[in-house]
């Protein structure tokens, strides 16, 4: 996906997630929503992959 499209979708998502009515709808369901950047998601995924790799390998699965 082109970077400008990702940036636009990210900005729109951040704006929507700040709307009080959406926040209330999530809270009514016992949930919460928060915005995070693509960079933060990529960093989290990398950290989790590294953290869980030994467990995955011990199960006989492969870490890709």
PDB file of N, CA and C in Angstrom:
ATOM      1  N   UNK A   1       0.859  -1.166   0.000  1.00  0.00           N
ATOM      2  CA  UNK A   1       0.000   0.000   0.000  1.00  0.00           C
ATOM      3  C   UNK A   1       0.912   1.237   0.000  1.00  0.00           C
ATOM      4  N   UNK A   2       0.598   2.236  -0.785  1.00  0.00           N
ATOM      5  CA  UNK A   2       1.432   3.435  -0.842  1.00  0.00           C
ATOM      6  C   UNK A   2       1.480   4.169   0.507  1.00  0.00           C
ATOM      7  N   UNK A   3       2.643   4.689   0.830  1.00  0.00           N
ATOM      8  CA  UNK A   3       2.831   5.394   2.105  1.00  0.00           C
ATOM      9  C   UNK A   3       1.840   6.533   2.313  1.00  0.00           C
ATOM     10  N   UNK A   4       1.519   7.349   1.292  1.00  0.00           N
ATOM     11  CA  UNK A   4       0.526   8.412   1.524  1.00  0.00           C
ATOM     12  C   UNK A   4      -0.850   7.868   1.924  1.00  0.00           C
ATOM     13  N   UNK A   5      -1.240   6.739   1.363  1.00  0.00           N
ATOM     14  CA  UNK A   5      -2.528   6.141   1.729  1.00  0.00           C
ATOM     15  C   UNK A   5      -2.492   5.650   3.169  1.00  0.00           C
ATOM     16  N   UNK A   6      -1.402   5.037   3.562  1.00  0.00           N
ATOM     17  CA  UNK A   6      -1.261   4.572   4.948  1.00  0.00           C
ATOM     18  C   UNK A   6      -1.313   5.757   5.906  1.00  0.00           C
ATOM     19  N   UNK A   7      -0.621   6.825   5.560  1.00  0.00           N
ATOM     20  CA  UNK A   7      -0.606   8.016   6.422  1.00  0.00           C
ATOM     21  C   UNK A   7      -2.008   8.606   6.557  1.00  0.00           C
ATOM     22  N   UNK A   8      -2.735   8.653   5.464  1.00  0.00           N
ATOM     23  CA  UNK A   8      -4.098   9.200   5.514  1.00  0.00           C
ATOM     24  C   UNK A   8      -5.025   8.324   6.344  1.00  0.00           C
ATOM     25  N   UNK A   9      -4.970   7.025   6.127  1.00  0.00           N
ATOM     26  CA  UNK A   9      -5.809   6.109   6.917  1.00  0.00           C
ATOM     27  C   UNK A   9      -5.451   6.184   8.395  1.00  0.00           C
ATOM     28  N   UNK A  10      -4.181   6.286   8.688  1.00  0.00           N
ATOM     29  CA  UNK A  10      -3.738   6.384  10.077  1.00  0.00           C
ATOM     30  C   UNK A  10      -4.274   7.649  10.736  1.00  0.00           C
ATOM     31  N   UNK A  11      -4.173   8.771  10.036  1.00  0.00           N
ATOM     32  CA  UNK A  11      -4.667  10.038  10.582  1.00  0.00           C
ATOM     33  C   UNK A  11      -6.173   9.992  10.806  1.00  0.00           C
ATOM     34  N   UNK A  12      -6.905   9.430   9.847  1.00  0.00           N
ATOM     35  CA  UNK A  12      -8.362   9.323  10.003  1.00  0.00           C
ATOM     36  C   UNK A  12      -8.725   8.400  11.165  1.00  0.00           C
ATOM     37  N   UNK A  13      -8.009   7.306  11.297  1.00  0.00           N
ATOM     38  CA  UNK A  13      -8.273   6.372  12.393  1.00  0.00           C
ATOM     39  C   UNK A  13      -8.013   7.037  13.736  1.00  0.00           C
ATOM     40  N   UNK A  14      -6.914   7.773  13.825  1.00  0.00           N
ATOM     41  CA  UNK A  14      -6.592   8.475  15.074  1.00  0.00           C
ATOM     42  C   UNK A  14      -7.706   9.454  15.436  1.00  0.00           C
ATOM     43  N   UNK A  15      -8.211  10.171  14.433  1.00  0.00           N
ATOM     44  CA  UNK A  15      -9.278  11.141  14.673  1.00  0.00           C
ATOM     45  C   UNK A  15     -10.560  10.452  15.144  1.00  0.00           C
ATOM     46  N   UNK A  16     -10.931   9.369  14.498  1.00  0.00           N
ATOM     47  CA  UNK A  16     -12.155   8.650  14.856  1.00  0.00           C
ATOM     48  C   UNK A  16     -12.051   8.057  16.260  1.00  0.00           C
ATOM     49  N   UNK A  17     -10.893   7.507  16.585  1.00  0.00           N
ATOM     50  CA  UNK A  17     -10.737   6.880  17.900  1.00  0.00           C
ATOM     51  C   UNK A  17     -10.777   7.879  19.053  1.00  0.00           C
ATOM     52  N   UNK A  18     -10.689   9.162  18.744  1.00  0.00           N
ATOM     53  CA  UNK A  18     -10.786  10.199  19.776  1.00  0.00           C
ATOM     54  C   UNK A  18     -12.216  10.701  19.970  1.00  0.00           C
ATOM     55  N   UNK A  19     -13.153  10.219  19.151  1.00  0.00           N
ATOM     56  CA  UNK A  19     -14.540  10.678  19.248  1.00  0.00           C
ATOM     57  C   UNK A  19     -15.207  10.114  20.503  1.00  0.00           C
ATOM     58  N   UNK A  20     -15.783  10.995  21.314  1.00  0.00           N
ATOM     59  CA  UNK A  20     -16.412  10.544  22.559  1.00  0.00           C
ATOM     60  C   UNK A  20     -17.450   9.445  22.367  1.00  0.00           C
ATOM     61  N   UNK A  21     -18.263   9.526  21.307  1.00  0.00           N
ATOM     62  CA  UNK A  21     -19.301   8.509  21.114  1.00  0.00           C
ATOM     63  C   UNK A  21     -18.692   7.134  20.805  1.00  0.00           C
ATOM     64  N   UNK A  22     -17.577   7.109  20.108  1.00  0.00           N
ATOM     65  CA  UNK A  22     -16.925   5.834  19.837  1.00  0.00           C
ATOM     66  C   UNK A  22     -16.270   5.289  21.111  1.00  0.00           C
ATOM     67  N   UNK A  23     -15.630   6.173  21.857  1.00  0.00           N
ATOM     68  CA  UNK A  23     -15.015   5.756  23.120  1.00  0.00           C
ATOM     69  C   UNK A  23     -16.077   5.150  24.033  1.00  0.00           C
ATOM     70  N   UNK A  24     -17.236   5.822  24.139  1.00  0.00           N
ATOM     71  CA  UNK A  24     -18.320   5.310  24.981  1.00  0.00           C
ATOM     72  C   UNK A  24     -18.820   3.961  24.476  1.00  0.00           C
ATOM     73  N   UNK A  25     -18.969   3.806  23.167  1.00  0.00           N
ATOM     74  CA  UNK A  25     -19.444   2.537  22.604  1.00  0.00           C
ATOM     75  C   UNK A  25     -18.484   1.402  22.966  1.00  0.00           C
ATOM     76  N   UNK A  26     -17.200   1.658  22.874  1.00  0.00           N
ATOM     77  CA  UNK A  26     -16.230   0.637  23.265  1.00  0.00           C
ATOM     78  C   UNK A  26     -16.330   0.342  24.759  1.00  0.00           C
ATOM     79  N   UNK A  27     -16.397   1.389  25.572  1.00  0.00           N
ATOM     80  CA  UNK A  27     -16.480   1.204  27.024  1.00  0.00           C
ATOM     81  C   UNK A  27     -17.741   0.448  27.419  1.00  0.00           C
ATOM     82  N   UNK A  28     -18.846   0.710  26.735  1.00  0.00           N
ATOM     83  CA  UNK A  28     -20.093  -0.013  27.015  1.00  0.00           C
ATOM     84  C   UNK A  28     -19.944  -1.511  26.767  1.00  0.00           C
ATOM     85  N   UNK A  29     -19.026  -1.865  25.882  1.00  0.00           N
ATOM     86  CA  UNK A  29     -18.759  -3.274  25.584  1.00  0.00           C
ATOM     87  C   UNK A  29     -17.633  -3.843  26.452  1.00  0.00           C
ATOM     88  N   UNK A  30     -17.120  -3.016  27.369  1.00  0.00           N
ATOM     89  CA  UNK A  30     -16.038  -3.468  28.238  1.00  0.00           C
ATOM     90  C   UNK A  30     -14.685  -3.474  27.544  1.00  0.00           C
ATOM     91  N   UNK A  31     -14.563  -2.675  26.510  1.00  0.00           N
ATOM     92  CA  UNK A  31     -13.326  -2.642  25.743  1.00  0.00           C
ATOM     93  C   UNK A  31     -12.782  -1.219  25.694  1.00  0.00           C
ATOM     94  N   UNK A  32     -11.622  -1.090  25.151  1.00  0.00           N
ATOM     95  CA  UNK A  32     -11.053   0.232  24.909  1.00  0.00           C
ATOM     96  C   UNK A  32     -10.335   0.198  23.570  1.00  0.00           C
ATOM     97  N   UNK A  33     -10.286   1.334  22.948  1.00  0.00           N
ATOM     98  CA  UNK A  33      -9.611   1.446  21.657  1.00  0.00           C
ATOM     99  C   UNK A  33      -8.525   2.494  21.781  1.00  0.00           C
ATOM    100  N   UNK A  34      -7.443   2.276  21.109  1.00  0.00           N
ATOM    101  CA  UNK A  34      -6.380   3.261  21.106  1.00  0.00           C
ATOM    102  C   UNK A  34      -5.694   3.233  19.758  1.00  0.00           C
ATOM    103  N   UNK A  35      -5.146   4.354  19.414  1.00  0.00           N
ATOM    104  CA  UNK A  35      -4.428   4.492  18.163  1.00  0.00           C
ATOM    105  C   UNK A  35      -2.958   4.199  18.420  1.00  0.00           C
ATOM    106  N   UNK A  36      -2.332   3.597  17.450  1.00  0.00           N
ATOM    107  CA  UNK A  36      -0.889   3.387  17.504  1.00  0.00           C
ATOM    108  C   UNK A  36      -0.345   3.509  16.088  1.00  0.00           C
ATOM    109  N   UNK A  37       0.869   3.954  15.995  1.00  0.00           N
ATOM    110  CA  UNK A  37       1.464   4.162  14.673  1.00  0.00           C
ATOM    111  C   UNK A  37       1.889   2.833  14.056  1.00  0.00           C
ATOM    112  N   UNK A  38       2.086   2.844  12.765  1.00  0.00           N
ATOM    113  CA  UNK A  38       2.566   1.649  12.071  1.00  0.00           C
ATOM    114  C   UNK A  38       3.944   1.253  12.592  1.00  0.00           C
ATOM    115  N   UNK A  39       4.749   2.239  12.914  1.00  0.00           N
ATOM    116  CA  UNK A  39       6.081   1.958  13.449  1.00  0.00           C
ATOM    117  C   UNK A  39       5.992   1.243  14.795  1.00  0.00           C
ATOM    118  N   UNK A  40       5.064   1.703  15.651  1.00  0.00           N
ATOM    119  CA  UNK A  40       4.878   1.055  16.952  1.00  0.00           C
ATOM    120  C   UNK A  40       4.390  -0.384  16.783  1.00  0.00           C
ATOM    121  N   UNK A  41       3.499  -0.608  15.841  1.00  0.00           N
ATOM    122  CA  UNK A  41       2.997  -1.960  15.596  1.00  0.00           C
ATOM    123  C   UNK A  41       4.120  -2.863  15.113  1.00  0.00           C
ATOM    124  N   UNK A  42       4.934  -2.364  14.197  1.00  0.00           N
ATOM    125  CA  UNK A  42       6.054  -3.153  13.677  1.00  0.00           C
ATOM    126  C   UNK A  42       7.054  -3.472  14.782  1.00  0.00           C
ATOM    127  N   UNK A  43       7.317  -2.504  15.629  1.00  0.00           N
ATOM    128  CA  UNK A  43       8.239  -2.706  16.749  1.00  0.00           C
ATOM    129  C   UNK A  43       7.695  -3.744  17.729  1.00  0.00           C
ATOM    130  N   UNK A  44       6.412  -3.658  18.033  1.00  0.00           N
ATOM    131  CA  UNK A  44       5.778  -4.618  18.940  1.00  0.00           C
ATOM    132  C   UNK A  44       5.844  -6.028  18.352  1.00  0.00           C
ATOM    133  N   UNK A  45       5.546  -6.143  17.062  1.00  0.00           N
ATOM    134  CA  UNK A  45       5.570  -7.460  16.407  1.00  0.00           C
ATOM    135  C   UNK A  45       6.969  -8.067  16.460  1.00  0.00           C
ATOM    136  N   UNK A  46       7.976  -7.263  16.190  1.00  0.00           N
ATOM    137  CA  UNK A  46       9.355  -7.743  16.231  1.00  0.00           C
ATOM    138  C   UNK A  46       9.724  -8.201  17.639  1.00  0.00           C
ATOM    139  N   UNK A  47       9.358  -7.406  18.634  1.00  0.00           N
ATOM    140  CA  UNK A  47       9.666  -7.755  20.018  1.00  0.00           C
ATOM    141  C   UNK A  47       8.967  -9.054  20.425  1.00  0.00           C
ATOM    142  N   UNK A  48       7.706  -9.221  20.028  1.00  0.00           N
ATOM    143  CA  UNK A  48       6.976 -10.436  20.375  1.00  0.00           C
ATOM    144  C   UNK A  48       7.545 -11.661  19.662  1.00  0.00           C
ATOM    145  N   UNK A  49       7.935 -11.471  18.418  1.00  0.00           N
ATOM    146  CA  UNK A  49       8.529 -12.574  17.672  1.00  0.00           C
ATOM    147  C   UNK A  49       9.819 -13.042  18.351  1.00  0.00           C
ATOM    148  N   UNK A  50      10.646 -12.102  18.762  1.00  0.00           N
ATOM    149  CA  UNK A  50      11.892 -12.452  19.450  1.00  0.00           C
ATOM    150  C   UNK A  50      11.610 -13.104  20.801  1.00  0.00           C
ATOM    151  N   UNK A  51      10.631 -12.572  21.518  1.00  0.00           N
ATOM    152  CA  UNK A  51      10.303 -13.092  22.848  1.00  0.00           C
ATOM    153  C   UNK A  51       9.728 -14.507  22.774  1.00  0.00           C
ATOM    154  N   UNK A  52       8.904 -14.760  21.765  1.00  0.00           N
ATOM    155  CA  UNK A  52       8.214 -16.045  21.673  1.00  0.00           C
ATOM    156  C   UNK A  52       8.944 -17.089  20.832  1.00  0.00           C
ATOM    157  N   UNK A  53      10.001 -16.700  20.143  1.00  0.00           N
ATOM    158  CA  UNK A  53      10.714 -17.628  19.263  1.00  0.00           C
ATOM    159  C   UNK A  53      11.148 -18.912  19.972  1.00  0.00           C
ATOM    160  N   UNK A  54      11.732 -18.853  21.167  1.00  0.00           N
ATOM    161  CA  UNK A  54      12.124 -20.106  21.827  1.00  0.00           C
ATOM    162  C   UNK A  54      10.936 -21.039  22.097  1.00  0.00           C
ATOM    163  N   UNK A  55       9.827 -20.476  22.501  1.00  0.00           N
ATOM    164  CA  UNK A  55       8.627 -21.281  22.774  1.00  0.00           C
ATOM    165  C   UNK A  55       8.094 -21.901  21.473  1.00  0.00           C
ATOM    166  N   UNK A  56       8.083 -21.122  20.419  1.00  0.00           N
ATOM    167  CA  UNK A  56       7.601 -21.625  19.126  1.00  0.00           C
ATOM    168  C   UNK A  56       8.487 -22.763  18.651  1.00  0.00           C
ATOM    169  N   UNK A  57       9.806 -22.571  18.736  1.00  0.00           N
ATOM    170  CA  UNK A  57      10.722 -23.623  18.294  1.00  0.00           C
ATOM    171  C   UNK A  57      10.584 -24.870  19.152  1.00  0.00           C
ATOM    172  N   UNK A  58      10.386 -24.703  20.456  1.00  0.00           N
ATOM    173  CA  UNK A  58      10.239 -25.845  21.371  1.00  0.00           C
ATOM    174  C   UNK A  58       8.998 -26.664  21.029  1.00  0.00           C
ATOM    175  N   UNK A  59       8.005 -26.011  20.441  1.00  0.00           N
ATOM    176  CA  UNK A  59       6.781 -26.730  20.069  1.00  0.00           C
ATOM    177  C   UNK A  59       6.951 -27.520  18.788  1.00  0.00           C
ATOM    178  N   UNK A  60       8.049 -27.266  18.079  1.00  0.00           N
ATOM    179  CA  UNK A  60       8.291 -27.938  16.815  1.00  0.00           C
ATOM    180  C   UNK A  60       7.885 -27.091  15.618  1.00  0.00           C
ATOM    181  N   UNK A  61       7.269 -25.955  15.868  1.00  0.00           N
ATOM    182  CA  UNK A  61       6.873 -25.050  14.778  1.00  0.00           C
ATOM    183  C   UNK A  61       8.090 -24.239  14.362  1.00  0.00           C
ATOM    184  N   UNK A  62       7.959 -23.519  13.280  1.00  0.00           N
ATOM    185  CA  UNK A  62       9.026 -22.662  12.794  1.00  0.00           C
ATOM    186  C   UNK A  62       8.662 -21.207  12.959  1.00  0.00           C
ATOM    187  N   UNK A  63       9.667 -20.389  13.243  1.00  0.00           N
ATOM    188  CA  UNK A  63       9.477 -18.957  13.314  1.00  0.00           C
ATOM    189  C   UNK A  63       9.860 -18.369  11.968  1.00  0.00           C
ATOM    190  N   UNK A  64       8.928 -17.706  11.316  1.00  0.00           N
ATOM    191  CA  UNK A  64       9.197 -17.079  10.017  1.00  0.00           C
ATOM    192  C   UNK A  64       9.503 -15.619  10.184  1.00  0.00           C
TER     193      UNK A  64
END
